[in-house]
Amino acid sequence: MVRVMASGVFDILHSGHVYYLQEAKKLGDELVVVVARDSTVRKQKHEPITNENMRLEMINALKPVDKAVLGYENDRYRIVDELKPDIIALGYDQKDDEKKISHDLKERGLNVKVVRMPEIAFDLSGTRKIIRKIIDWYSFQKKMGGK
């Protein structure tokens, strides 16, 4: 049994997230997804739109996902120690460096393959671009007199 681990924020769930998880699932038999804590999202990205429990529930409901869990705040590899995946699937746009992650895991005694998932052509390019589109739409509506 090959266990694949994927991780992310998953704030404003969109087709790029679903594609990432579908592709990650193809790498093994079981897909476990680590959802970032609100505090981690605040430190590394932005104020989350949906809270960690809502994001966890949404990811758990997706067909390719066998199990979703919340990550840890201060040690990103602690969850890897617990889940013991064979493969970690990184999203194409995640800033993490595959070689650094592999090195860090080996130093912890973990032999885990790290794989970068392919980019999706029809993705809306992430949560921040979706938010920008919404803001632009509301700004346009306001200019037009709220119609």
Protein backbone atom coordinates (compact mmCIF):
# COMPACT_ATOMS: atom_id res chain seq x y z
CA MET A 1 0.00 0.00 0.00
CA VAL A 2 1.48 3.33 -1.12
CA ARG A 3 0.48 6.32 1.01
CA VAL A 4 0.59 9.73 -0.65
CA MET A 5 0.52 12.95 1.35
CA ALA A 6 -0.56 16.28 -0.11
CA SER A 7 -0.84 19.55 1.73
CA GLY A 8 -2.12 23.06 1.31
CA VAL A 9 -4.28 25.87 2.56
CA PHE A 10 -7.32 25.11 0.36
CA ASP A 11 -8.90 28.49 1.06
CA ILE A 12 -11.74 29.10 -1.41
CA LEU A 13 -11.67 25.63 -2.89
CA HIS A 14 -11.31 25.70 -6.69
CA SER A 15 -10.64 23.42 -9.66
CA GLY A 16 -6.87 23.72 -9.26
CA HIS A 17 -7.13 22.20 -5.79
CA VAL A 18 -9.30 19.35 -7.05
CA TYR A 19 -6.92 18.66 -9.95
CA TYR A 20 -3.91 18.66 -7.59
CA LEU A 21 -5.57 16.12 -5.30
CA GLN A 22 -6.77 13.94 -8.19
CA GLU A 23 -3.23 13.82 -9.61
CA ALA A 24 -1.75 13.15 -6.17
CA LYS A 25 -4.15 10.23 -5.64
CA LYS A 26 -2.88 8.63 -8.88
CA LEU A 27 0.56 8.27 -7.28
CA GLY A 28 -0.58 5.67 -4.75
CA ASP A 29 -3.32 3.75 -3.02
CA GLU A 30 -4.18 6.15 -0.21
CA LEU A 31 -4.25 9.96 -0.21
CA VAL A 32 -3.91 11.79 3.09
CA VAL A 33 -4.21 15.57 2.89
CA VAL A 34 -2.74 17.96 5.43
CA VAL A 35 -4.70 21.20 5.74
CA ALA A 36 -2.75 24.20 7.03
CA ARG A 37 -3.73 25.70 10.38
CA ASP A 38 -5.18 29.22 10.40
CA SER A 39 -2.15 30.48 12.33
CA THR A 40 0.21 29.04 9.71
CA VAL A 41 -1.79 30.59 6.88
CA ARG A 42 -1.63 33.99 8.60
CA LYS A 43 2.14 33.73 9.01
CA GLN A 44 2.90 32.51 5.49
CA LYS A 45 0.17 33.79 3.18
CA HIS A 46 -2.86 35.82 4.23
CA GLU A 47 -5.83 35.99 6.57
CA PRO A 48 -7.83 32.85 5.75
CA ILE A 49 -11.27 33.38 4.21
CA THR A 50 -12.58 30.11 5.64
CA ASN A 51 -11.41 28.72 8.96
CA GLU A 52 -9.32 25.58 9.31
CA ASN A 53 -12.22 23.35 10.37
CA MET A 54 -14.33 24.38 7.37
CA ARG A 55 -11.39 23.80 5.02
CA LEU A 56 -10.72 20.41 6.64
CA GLU A 57 -14.36 19.40 6.21
CA MET A 58 -14.38 20.43 2.54
CA ILE A 59 -11.18 18.51 1.77
CA ASN A 60 -12.45 15.43 3.63
CA ALA A 61 -15.55 15.48 1.40
CA LEU A 62 -13.59 15.27 -1.86
CA LYS A 63 -13.67 11.95 -3.69
CA PRO A 64 -9.90 11.43 -4.12
CA VAL A 65 -9.19 12.10 -0.43
CA ASP A 66 -9.05 9.12 1.91
CA LYS A 67 -8.33 11.20 5.00
CA ALA A 68 -7.65 14.85 5.81
CA VAL A 69 -5.93 16.15 8.92
CA LEU A 70 -4.82 19.49 10.27
CA GLY A 71 -1.10 20.20 10.23
CA TYR A 72 1.01 21.47 13.09
CA GLU A 73 1.94 25.07 13.69
CA ASN A 74 5.64 25.00 14.45
CA ASP A 75 7.06 21.80 12.95
CA ARG A 76 6.06 21.10 9.38
CA TYR A 77 7.66 17.65 9.43
CA ARG A 78 5.97 16.41 12.61
CA ILE A 79 2.91 15.39 10.61
CA VAL A 80 5.15 13.51 8.16
CA ASP A 81 6.64 11.61 11.11
CA GLU A 82 3.10 10.63 12.16
CA LEU A 83 1.59 9.82 8.76
CA LYS A 84 4.67 8.07 7.34
CA PRO A 85 3.84 8.68 3.68
CA ASP A 86 5.77 7.00 0.88
CA ILE A 87 5.30 10.04 -1.36
CA ILE A 88 4.73 13.74 -0.76
CA ALA A 89 2.94 15.44 -3.65
CA LEU A 90 3.63 19.17 -3.99
CA GLY A 91 1.33 21.44 -5.93
CA TYR A 92 2.88 23.02 -9.02
CA ASP A 93 2.63 26.49 -7.45
CA GLN A 94 3.76 25.62 -3.93
CA LYS A 95 6.92 27.51 -3.06
CA ASP A 96 8.62 24.55 -1.36
CA ASP A 97 11.86 23.19 -2.80
CA GLU A 98 11.69 19.43 -3.45
CA LYS A 99 15.41 18.90 -2.83
CA LYS A 100 15.35 20.76 0.49
CA ILE A 101 12.31 18.80 1.68
CA SER A 102 13.96 15.49 0.67
CA HIS A 103 17.15 16.50 2.49
CA ASP A 104 15.27 17.60 5.64
CA LEU A 105 13.28 14.35 5.69
CA LYS A 106 16.40 12.21 5.27
CA GLU A 107 17.99 14.04 8.20
CA ARG A 108 14.96 12.98 10.27
CA GLY A 109 15.39 9.39 9.14
CA LEU A 110 12.44 9.46 6.76
CA ASN A 111 12.75 8.02 3.26
CA VAL A 112 9.97 9.81 1.38
CA LYS A 113 9.83 10.54 -2.34
CA VAL A 114 8.89 14.17 -3.11
CA VAL A 115 7.02 14.78 -6.39
CA ARG A 116 5.94 18.07 -8.00
CA MET A 117 2.47 17.87 -9.58
CA PRO A 118 1.89 19.24 -13.09
CA GLU A 119 0.32 22.63 -13.75
CA ILE A 120 -3.30 22.78 -14.80
CA ALA A 121 -4.14 24.76 -17.93
CA PHE A 122 -7.66 25.84 -16.91
CA ASP A 123 -6.91 26.82 -13.30
CA LEU A 124 -8.08 30.23 -12.13
CA SER A 125 -4.50 30.58 -10.84
CA GLY A 126 -5.21 30.40 -7.17
CA THR A 127 -7.22 31.84 -4.38
CA ARG A 128 -5.71 35.32 -4.51
CA LYS A 129 -6.64 35.74 -8.18
CA ILE A 130 -10.18 34.58 -7.43
CA ILE A 131 -10.40 37.16 -4.64
CA ARG A 132 -9.04 39.83 -7.03
CA LYS A 133 -11.75 38.94 -9.59
CA ILE A 134 -14.44 39.26 -6.92
CA ILE A 135 -13.11 42.63 -5.77
CA ASP A 136 -12.92 43.86 -9.37
CA TRP A 137 -16.49 42.70 -9.99
CA TYR A 138 -17.78 44.54 -6.90
CA SER A 139 -15.83 47.66 -7.86
CA PHE A 140 -17.36 47.57 -11.32
CA GLN A 141 -20.84 47.10 -9.87
CA LYS A 142 -20.33 50.05 -7.57
CA LYS A 143 -19.22 52.25 -10.51
CA MET A 144 -22.33 51.20 -12.44
CA GLY A 145 -24.55 52.26 -9.57
CA GLY A 146 -24.98 48.84 -7.96
CA LYS A 147 -26.84 47.28 -10.88
